[in-house]
Amino acid sequence: MSPVERLERQLAQAQASLARAEARENLACAASFRATLGGLTGYDSAILSGTRRKADRKGTEARRNAYDREAAATLLAVELAREVGALGRQLVRARAEAARVRFVRTDFAGAVAVRDRFGWHRVVRVNTYSVAVETGFSWTDRIPFENVLQIRVGDIA
């Protein structure tokens, strides 16, 4: 299985988990709304002030449990949404890496410049597995063939 296929499968599973978590969050939100008008988000401070005419231990406990369930469901949904976003970004990078052209030594015949992730560099010589490029100093840097993104052949204008 290729890395792209693996990431696609992981992303699909994470999206399904996120959908289930969002459904649970909606149910928990509805339950906390029933426990106190407005639930956790749109509550009236007079209702949740804690002032009661008569102590109701069971009612208070049920209300707090409903709030705890809603908060836990929301945290899980947020965490899964982050995971889905991260997997989506990883998938984009993996697809770009899979589509990238791989160069071999014969591709560098007549090369005058190469581009890597840092930009374009003037070619000094082509080695067996790397390209030596100019720096602004008295030495050259080596760029392995697998790190080369583009090759410019011909005269540099």
N, C-alpha and C. Protein backbone atom coordinates (compact mmCIF):
# COMPACT_ATOMS: atom_id res chain seq x y z
N MET A 1 0.85 -1.17 0.00
CA MET A 1 0.00 0.00 0.00
C MET A 1 0.90 1.25 0.00
N SER A 2 0.60 2.17 -0.89
CA SER A 2 1.40 3.38 -1.00
C SER A 2 1.08 4.34 0.16
N PRO A 3 2.00 5.27 0.43
CA PRO A 3 1.72 6.25 1.49
C PRO A 3 0.46 7.08 1.22
N VAL A 4 0.18 7.37 -0.04
CA VAL A 4 -1.00 8.15 -0.39
C VAL A 4 -2.27 7.35 -0.06
N GLU A 5 -2.28 6.07 -0.42
CA GLU A 5 -3.45 5.23 -0.13
C GLU A 5 -3.65 5.07 1.37
N ARG A 6 -2.54 4.91 2.10
CA ARG A 6 -2.62 4.77 3.55
C ARG A 6 -3.21 6.04 4.18
N LEU A 7 -2.74 7.20 3.73
CA LEU A 7 -3.26 8.46 4.27
C LEU A 7 -4.72 8.68 3.88
N GLU A 8 -5.09 8.28 2.66
CA GLU A 8 -6.49 8.41 2.25
C GLU A 8 -7.39 7.56 3.15
N ARG A 9 -6.93 6.34 3.46
CA ARG A 9 -7.72 5.46 4.33
C ARG A 9 -7.81 6.05 5.74
N GLN A 10 -6.69 6.55 6.27
CA GLN A 10 -6.70 7.16 7.60
C GLN A 10 -7.61 8.38 7.64
N LEU A 11 -7.57 9.19 6.58
CA LEU A 11 -8.41 10.39 6.53
C LEU A 11 -9.89 10.01 6.49
N ALA A 12 -10.24 8.99 5.72
CA ALA A 12 -11.64 8.56 5.65
C ALA A 12 -12.11 8.06 7.02
N GLN A 13 -11.26 7.30 7.71
CA GLN A 13 -11.63 6.81 9.04
C GLN A 13 -11.77 7.97 10.02
N ALA A 14 -10.86 8.94 9.95
CA ALA A 14 -10.92 10.09 10.86
C ALA A 14 -12.16 10.93 10.58
N GLN A 15 -12.53 11.09 9.31
CA GLN A 15 -13.73 11.85 8.98
C GLN A 15 -14.98 11.15 9.49
N ALA A 16 -15.01 9.82 9.41
CA ALA A 16 -16.16 9.07 9.94
C ALA A 16 -16.22 9.22 11.46
N SER A 17 -15.07 9.15 12.12
CA SER A 17 -15.04 9.34 13.57
C SER A 17 -15.50 10.74 13.95
N LEU A 18 -15.08 11.72 13.17
CA LEU A 18 -15.49 13.10 13.43
C LEU A 18 -17.00 13.26 13.28
N ALA A 19 -17.57 12.64 12.26
CA ALA A 19 -19.03 12.74 12.06
C ALA A 19 -19.77 12.11 13.24
N ARG A 20 -19.28 10.96 13.73
CA ARG A 20 -19.92 10.34 14.90
C ARG A 20 -19.77 11.21 16.13
N ALA A 21 -18.59 11.81 16.31
CA ALA A 21 -18.36 12.67 17.48
C ALA A 21 -19.23 13.92 17.41
N GLU A 22 -19.41 14.49 16.23
CA GLU A 22 -20.28 15.66 16.10
C GLU A 22 -21.73 15.31 16.38
N ALA A 23 -22.15 14.10 15.98
CA ALA A 23 -23.52 13.67 16.29
C ALA A 23 -23.69 13.51 17.80
N ARG A 24 -22.67 12.91 18.47
CA ARG A 24 -22.73 12.78 19.93
C ARG A 24 -22.74 14.15 20.60
N GLU A 25 -21.96 15.07 20.05
CA GLU A 25 -21.92 16.43 20.60
C GLU A 25 -23.28 17.10 20.49
N ASN A 26 -23.94 16.93 19.36
CA ASN A 26 -25.27 17.52 19.18
C ASN A 26 -26.27 16.94 20.17
N LEU A 27 -26.20 15.62 20.40
CA LEU A 27 -27.10 15.00 21.37
C LEU A 27 -26.81 15.50 22.79
N ALA A 28 -25.54 15.61 23.13
CA ALA A 28 -25.17 16.09 24.47
C ALA A 28 -25.57 17.55 24.65
N CYS A 29 -25.45 18.34 23.59
CA CYS A 29 -25.85 19.75 23.65
C CYS A 29 -27.36 19.85 23.88
N ALA A 30 -28.11 19.01 23.19
CA ALA A 30 -29.57 19.02 23.37
C ALA A 30 -29.94 18.61 24.80
N ALA A 31 -29.21 17.62 25.35
CA ALA A 31 -29.48 17.17 26.72
C ALA A 31 -29.16 18.27 27.73
N SER A 32 -28.05 18.98 27.55
CA SER A 32 -27.72 20.05 28.49
C SER A 32 -28.68 21.23 28.33
N PHE A 33 -29.19 21.43 27.12
CA PHE A 33 -30.19 22.47 26.90
C PHE A 33 -31.48 22.14 27.65
N ARG A 34 -31.82 20.85 27.65
CA ARG A 34 -33.02 20.43 28.38
C ARG A 34 -32.80 20.55 29.89
N ALA A 35 -31.56 20.30 30.34
CA ALA A 35 -31.27 20.38 31.78
C ALA A 35 -31.38 21.81 32.28
N THR A 36 -30.91 22.76 31.49
CA THR A 36 -31.01 24.18 31.82
C THR A 36 -31.27 24.93 30.54
N LEU A 37 -32.24 25.77 30.54
CA LEU A 37 -32.62 26.51 29.35
C LEU A 37 -31.39 27.26 28.81
N GLY A 38 -30.99 26.95 27.60
CA GLY A 38 -29.84 27.59 26.99
C GLY A 38 -28.60 26.72 27.03
N GLY A 39 -28.57 25.69 27.84
CA GLY A 39 -27.43 24.80 27.90
C GLY A 39 -26.19 25.52 28.40
N LEU A 40 -25.04 25.07 27.95
CA LEU A 40 -23.78 25.67 28.39
C LEU A 40 -23.47 26.98 27.69
N THR A 41 -23.97 27.14 26.48
CA THR A 41 -23.55 28.28 25.68
C THR A 41 -24.44 29.50 25.83
N GLY A 42 -25.75 29.33 25.82
CA GLY A 42 -26.62 30.49 25.84
C GLY A 42 -27.44 30.57 27.10
N TYR A 43 -26.84 30.27 28.23
CA TYR A 43 -27.61 30.20 29.46
C TYR A 43 -27.88 31.59 30.04
N ASP A 44 -28.90 31.63 30.86
CA ASP A 44 -29.25 32.83 31.60
C ASP A 44 -28.54 32.75 32.95
N SER A 45 -27.76 33.76 33.29
CA SER A 45 -26.97 33.70 34.52
C SER A 45 -27.85 33.62 35.77
N ALA A 46 -29.08 34.09 35.68
CA ALA A 46 -29.97 34.00 36.83
C ALA A 46 -30.37 32.54 37.08
N ILE A 47 -30.46 31.77 36.01
CA ILE A 47 -30.83 30.36 36.16
C ILE A 47 -29.67 29.57 36.75
N LEU A 48 -28.45 29.87 36.31
CA LEU A 48 -27.29 29.10 36.76
C LEU A 48 -26.57 29.78 37.93
N SER A 49 -27.21 30.68 38.61
CA SER A 49 -26.55 31.39 39.70
C SER A 49 -26.30 30.49 40.89
N GLY A 50 -27.02 29.37 40.96
CA GLY A 50 -26.86 28.49 42.10
C GLY A 50 -27.87 28.76 43.19
N THR A 51 -28.63 29.80 43.04
CA THR A 51 -29.64 30.13 44.04
C THR A 51 -30.87 29.27 43.80
N ARG A 52 -31.28 28.55 44.83
CA ARG A 52 -32.45 27.68 44.72
C ARG A 52 -33.29 27.84 45.99
N ARG A 53 -34.57 27.71 45.83
CA ARG A 53 -35.45 27.76 47.01
C ARG A 53 -35.33 26.48 47.83
N LYS A 54 -35.16 25.38 47.13
CA LYS A 54 -35.14 24.10 47.82
C LYS A 54 -33.97 23.29 47.25
N ALA A 55 -33.22 22.65 48.09
CA ALA A 55 -32.09 21.84 47.63
C ALA A 55 -32.60 20.65 46.84
N ASP A 56 -31.99 20.44 45.68
CA ASP A 56 -32.36 19.32 44.82
C ASP A 56 -31.07 18.64 44.38
N ARG A 57 -30.58 17.74 45.19
CA ARG A 57 -29.29 17.10 44.93
C ARG A 57 -29.31 16.32 43.62
N LYS A 58 -30.35 15.54 43.37
CA LYS A 58 -30.43 14.75 42.15
C LYS A 58 -30.51 15.63 40.91
N GLY A 59 -31.32 16.68 40.99
CA GLY A 59 -31.44 17.59 39.84
C GLY A 59 -30.14 18.30 39.54
N THR A 60 -29.47 18.75 40.59
CA THR A 60 -28.18 19.43 40.41
C THR A 60 -27.15 18.47 39.82
N GLU A 61 -27.12 17.26 40.32
CA GLU A 61 -26.18 16.27 39.81
C GLU A 61 -26.47 15.92 38.35
N ALA A 62 -27.72 15.77 38.01
CA ALA A 62 -28.11 15.47 36.63
C ALA A 62 -27.72 16.61 35.70
N ARG A 63 -27.93 17.84 36.16
CA ARG A 63 -27.57 19.00 35.34
C ARG A 63 -26.07 19.05 35.12
N ARG A 64 -25.31 18.86 36.18
CA ARG A 64 -23.84 18.90 36.05
C ARG A 64 -23.33 17.77 35.17
N ASN A 65 -23.92 16.59 35.29
CA ASN A 65 -23.52 15.47 34.43
C ASN A 65 -23.80 15.78 32.96
N ALA A 66 -24.93 16.43 32.70
CA ALA A 66 -25.25 16.81 31.32
C ALA A 66 -24.22 17.79 30.79
N TYR A 67 -23.80 18.74 31.62
CA TYR A 67 -22.77 19.70 31.20
C TYR A 67 -21.44 19.00 30.95
N ASP A 68 -21.09 18.07 31.83
CA ASP A 68 -19.84 17.34 31.66
C ASP A 68 -19.83 16.53 30.37
N ARG A 69 -20.94 15.88 30.07
CA ARG A 69 -21.03 15.10 28.84
C ARG A 69 -20.91 16.01 27.61
N GLU A 70 -21.55 17.17 27.66
CA GLU A 70 -21.45 18.09 26.52
C GLU A 70 -20.02 18.60 26.35
N ALA A 71 -19.38 18.95 27.45
CA ALA A 71 -18.01 19.45 27.37
C ALA A 71 -17.07 18.37 26.84
N ALA A 72 -17.21 17.14 27.30
CA ALA A 72 -16.36 16.04 26.83
C ALA A 72 -16.59 15.77 25.35
N ALA A 73 -17.85 15.79 24.92
CA ALA A 73 -18.15 15.55 23.51
C ALA A 73 -17.60 16.67 22.63
N THR A 74 -17.66 17.89 23.11
CA THR A 74 -17.11 19.03 22.35
C THR A 74 -15.59 18.92 22.23
N LEU A 75 -14.93 18.58 23.33
CA LEU A 75 -13.47 18.43 23.29
C LEU A 75 -13.05 17.32 22.33
N LEU A 76 -13.77 16.21 22.34
CA LEU A 76 -13.46 15.11 21.43
C LEU A 76 -13.66 15.55 19.98
N ALA A 77 -14.74 16.27 19.69
CA ALA A 77 -15.00 16.73 18.33
C ALA A 77 -13.92 17.69 17.86
N VAL A 78 -13.48 18.58 18.74
CA VAL A 78 -12.42 19.53 18.38
C VAL A 78 -11.12 18.78 18.10
N GLU A 79 -10.79 17.81 18.95
CA GLU A 79 -9.56 17.03 18.75
C GLU A 79 -9.61 16.26 17.43
N LEU A 80 -10.74 15.65 17.13
CA LEU A 80 -10.86 14.90 15.88
C LEU A 80 -10.84 15.83 14.66
N ALA A 81 -11.38 17.03 14.79
CA ALA A 81 -11.32 17.99 13.69
C ALA A 81 -9.88 18.39 13.41
N ARG A 82 -9.09 18.57 14.46
CA ARG A 82 -7.66 18.87 14.27
C ARG A 82 -6.95 17.72 13.57
N GLU A 83 -7.28 16.50 13.98
CA GLU A 83 -6.66 15.33 13.37
C GLU A 83 -7.01 15.23 11.90
N VAL A 84 -8.28 15.49 11.55
CA VAL A 84 -8.70 15.45 10.15
C VAL A 84 -7.95 16.51 9.35
N GLY A 85 -7.79 17.70 9.91
CA GLY A 85 -7.04 18.75 9.22
C GLY A 85 -5.59 18.37 9.00
N ALA A 86 -4.96 17.79 10.02
CA ALA A 86 -3.56 17.37 9.89
C ALA A 86 -3.41 16.27 8.85
N LEU A 87 -4.31 15.30 8.86
CA LEU A 87 -4.24 14.23 7.86
C LEU A 87 -4.48 14.77 6.45
N GLY A 88 -5.36 15.75 6.33
CA GLY A 88 -5.59 16.37 5.02
C GLY A 88 -4.34 17.05 4.49
N ARG A 89 -3.64 17.76 5.38
CA ARG A 89 -2.40 18.42 4.95
C ARG A 89 -1.32 17.39 4.59
N GLN A 90 -1.23 16.32 5.37
CA GLN A 90 -0.26 15.26 5.07
C GLN A 90 -0.57 14.61 3.73
N LEU A 91 -1.85 14.42 3.43
CA LEU A 91 -2.25 13.81 2.17
C LEU A 91 -1.88 14.71 0.99
N VAL A 92 -2.07 16.00 1.14
CA VAL A 92 -1.70 16.94 0.06
C VAL A 92 -0.20 16.84 -0.20
N ARG A 93 0.61 16.84 0.87
CA ARG A 93 2.07 16.73 0.71
C ARG A 93 2.46 15.39 0.09
N ALA A 94 1.81 14.30 0.51
CA ALA A 94 2.14 12.98 -0.03
C ALA A 94 1.79 12.89 -1.51
N ARG A 95 0.65 13.46 -1.90
CA ARG A 95 0.29 13.45 -3.32
C ARG A 95 1.27 14.27 -4.14
N ALA A 96 1.69 15.41 -3.61
CA ALA A 96 2.67 16.24 -4.33
C ALA A 96 4.01 15.50 -4.46
N GLU A 97 4.40 14.81 -3.41
CA GLU A 97 5.66 14.05 -3.44
C GLU A 97 5.56 12.90 -4.43
N ALA A 98 4.41 12.24 -4.49
CA ALA A 98 4.23 11.12 -5.42
C ALA A 98 4.23 11.60 -6.87
N ALA A 99 3.74 12.81 -7.10
CA ALA A 99 3.66 13.34 -8.47
C ALA A 99 4.96 14.00 -8.91
N ARG A 100 5.88 14.19 -7.99
CA ARG A 100 7.13 14.88 -8.31
C ARG A 100 7.99 14.04 -9.24
N VAL A 101 8.65 14.73 -10.17
CA VAL A 101 9.54 14.08 -11.13
C VAL A 101 10.85 13.73 -10.43
N ARG A 102 11.31 12.50 -10.61
CA ARG A 102 12.60 12.07 -10.06
C ARG A 102 13.64 12.16 -11.17
N PHE A 103 14.73 12.82 -10.87
CA PHE A 103 15.78 13.01 -11.87
C PHE A 103 16.90 11.99 -11.69
N VAL A 104 17.52 11.60 -12.82
CA VAL A 104 18.69 10.73 -12.81
C VAL A 104 19.84 11.50 -13.45
N ARG A 105 21.02 10.95 -13.42
CA ARG A 105 22.23 11.67 -13.88
C ARG A 105 22.10 12.15 -15.32
N THR A 106 21.50 11.35 -16.18
CA THR A 106 21.41 11.75 -17.60
C THR A 106 20.52 12.98 -17.80
N ASP A 107 19.61 13.24 -16.87
CA ASP A 107 18.76 14.43 -16.98
C ASP A 107 19.54 15.73 -16.80
N PHE A 108 20.71 15.65 -16.20
CA PHE A 108 21.49 16.85 -15.91
C PHE A 108 22.48 17.21 -17.02
N ALA A 109 22.43 16.53 -18.15
CA ALA A 109 23.32 16.85 -19.27
C ALA A 109 23.00 18.25 -19.77
N GLY A 110 23.96 19.14 -19.73
CA GLY A 110 23.78 20.51 -20.18
C GLY A 110 23.04 21.40 -19.19
N ALA A 111 22.87 20.95 -17.97
CA ALA A 111 22.16 21.75 -16.97
C ALA A 111 23.01 22.94 -16.55
N VAL A 112 22.39 24.11 -16.49
CA VAL A 112 23.09 25.30 -16.03
C VAL A 112 22.56 25.77 -14.69
N ALA A 113 21.36 25.35 -14.33
CA ALA A 113 20.79 25.75 -13.05
C ALA A 113 19.82 24.66 -12.58
N VAL A 114 19.73 24.54 -11.27
CA VAL A 114 18.78 23.60 -10.67
C VAL A 114 18.03 24.33 -9.57
N ARG A 115 16.81 23.85 -9.29
CA ARG A 115 16.02 24.43 -8.22
C ARG A 115 15.75 23.37 -7.17
N ASP A 116 16.00 23.74 -5.93
CA ASP A 116 15.61 22.89 -4.80
C ASP A 116 14.63 23.69 -3.96
N ARG A 117 14.36 23.26 -2.74
CA ARG A 117 13.36 23.95 -1.93
C ARG A 117 13.78 25.35 -1.51
N PHE A 118 15.07 25.68 -1.69
CA PHE A 118 15.56 27.00 -1.30
C PHE A 118 15.64 27.97 -2.47
N GLY A 119 15.49 27.48 -3.70
CA GLY A 119 15.54 28.36 -4.87
C GLY A 119 16.45 27.83 -5.96
N TRP A 120 16.75 28.72 -6.89
CA TRP A 120 17.59 28.34 -8.03
C TRP A 120 19.06 28.50 -7.67
N HIS A 121 19.88 27.58 -8.23
CA HIS A 121 21.33 27.59 -8.01
C HIS A 121 22.03 27.31 -9.33
N ARG A 122 23.17 27.98 -9.55
CA ARG A 122 23.97 27.76 -10.76
C ARG A 122 24.79 26.49 -10.59
N VAL A 123 24.76 25.61 -11.59
CA VAL A 123 25.45 24.32 -11.54
C VAL A 123 26.93 24.51 -11.83
N VAL A 124 27.77 23.92 -10.99
CA VAL A 124 29.22 23.91 -11.20
C VAL A 124 29.61 22.61 -11.88
N ARG A 125 29.15 21.48 -11.34
CA ARG A 125 29.42 20.17 -11.95
C ARG A 125 28.36 19.18 -11.50
N VAL A 126 28.26 18.12 -12.30
CA VAL A 126 27.32 17.05 -11.98
C VAL A 126 28.13 15.86 -11.50
N ASN A 127 27.85 15.41 -10.29
CA ASN A 127 28.54 14.26 -9.72
C ASN A 127 27.70 12.99 -9.96
N THR A 128 28.08 11.89 -9.35
CA THR A 128 27.37 10.63 -9.55
C THR A 128 25.96 10.67 -8.97
N TYR A 129 25.82 11.19 -7.75
CA TYR A 129 24.52 11.20 -7.09
C TYR A 129 24.07 12.59 -6.64
N SER A 130 24.84 13.61 -7.00
CA SER A 130 24.50 14.96 -6.58
C SER A 130 24.99 15.97 -7.60
N VAL A 131 24.55 17.21 -7.38
CA VAL A 131 24.96 18.33 -8.22
C VAL A 131 25.68 19.33 -7.34
N ALA A 132 26.85 19.77 -7.78
CA ALA A 132 27.57 20.82 -7.05
C ALA A 132 27.10 22.16 -7.59
N VAL A 133 26.73 23.06 -6.68
CA VAL A 133 26.21 24.36 -7.08
C VAL A 133 27.02 25.46 -6.42
N GLU A 134 27.00 26.62 -7.06
CA GLU A 134 27.73 27.78 -6.54
C GLU A 134 27.07 28.30 -5.27
N THR A 135 27.90 28.85 -4.42
CA THR A 135 27.41 29.61 -3.28
C THR A 135 28.00 31.01 -3.44
N GLY A 136 27.71 31.88 -2.56
CA GLY A 136 28.30 33.22 -2.63
C GLY A 136 29.67 33.26 -1.98
N PHE A 137 30.24 32.09 -1.70
CA PHE A 137 31.51 32.02 -0.99
C PHE A 137 32.51 31.21 -1.81
N SER A 138 33.61 30.81 -1.20
CA SER A 138 34.67 30.12 -1.93
C SER A 138 34.43 28.62 -2.07
N TRP A 139 33.34 28.11 -1.58
CA TRP A 139 33.05 26.68 -1.67
C TRP A 139 31.76 26.44 -2.45
N THR A 140 31.52 25.18 -2.76
CA THR A 140 30.28 24.80 -3.44
C THR A 140 29.45 23.94 -2.50
N ASP A 141 28.15 23.93 -2.75
CA ASP A 141 27.25 23.06 -2.00
C ASP A 141 26.83 21.91 -2.90
N ARG A 142 26.52 20.79 -2.28
CA ARG A 142 26.04 19.63 -3.03
C ARG A 142 24.55 19.45 -2.77
N ILE A 143 23.81 19.22 -3.85
CA ILE A 143 22.38 18.95 -3.75
C ILE A 143 22.15 17.55 -4.32
N PRO A 144 21.68 16.62 -3.50
CA PRO A 144 21.38 15.27 -4.01
C PRO A 144 20.31 15.33 -5.10
N PHE A 145 20.39 14.39 -6.05
CA PHE A 145 19.42 14.37 -7.15
C PHE A 145 17.99 14.32 -6.65
N GLU A 146 17.72 13.59 -5.55
CA GLU A 146 16.34 13.46 -5.06
C GLU A 146 15.78 14.77 -4.50
N ASN A 147 16.66 15.75 -4.21
CA ASN A 147 16.20 17.04 -3.70
C ASN A 147 16.01 18.08 -4.80
N VAL A 148 16.36 17.75 -6.03
CA VAL A 148 16.22 18.68 -7.15
C VAL A 148 14.78 18.66 -7.63
N LEU A 149 14.18 19.86 -7.71
CA LEU A 149 12.79 19.98 -8.15
C LEU A 149 12.67 20.31 -9.64
N GLN A 150 13.62 21.13 -10.16
CA GLN A 150 13.60 21.51 -11.57
C GLN A 150 15.01 21.63 -12.08
N ILE A 151 15.15 21.48 -13.39
CA ILE A 151 16.44 21.65 -14.06
C ILE A 151 16.27 22.65 -15.18
N ARG A 152 17.20 23.58 -15.28
CA ARG A 152 17.19 24.52 -16.40
C ARG A 152 18.39 24.20 -17.28
N VAL A 153 18.12 23.86 -18.53
CA VAL A 153 19.17 23.50 -19.48
C VAL A 153 19.31 24.66 -20.46
N GLY A 154 20.54 24.96 -20.83
CA GLY A 154 20.77 26.04 -21.78
C GLY A 154 21.46 27.20 -21.13
N ASP A 155 21.30 28.37 -21.74
CA ASP A 155 21.98 29.58 -21.25
C ASP A 155 21.12 30.29 -20.23
N ILE A 156 21.74 30.76 -19.14
CA ILE A 156 21.03 31.56 -18.14
C ILE A 156 21.06 33.00 -18.58
N ALA A 157 19.90 33.61 -18.66
CA ALA A 157 19.83 35.01 -19.08
C ALA A 157 19.92 35.91 -17.88
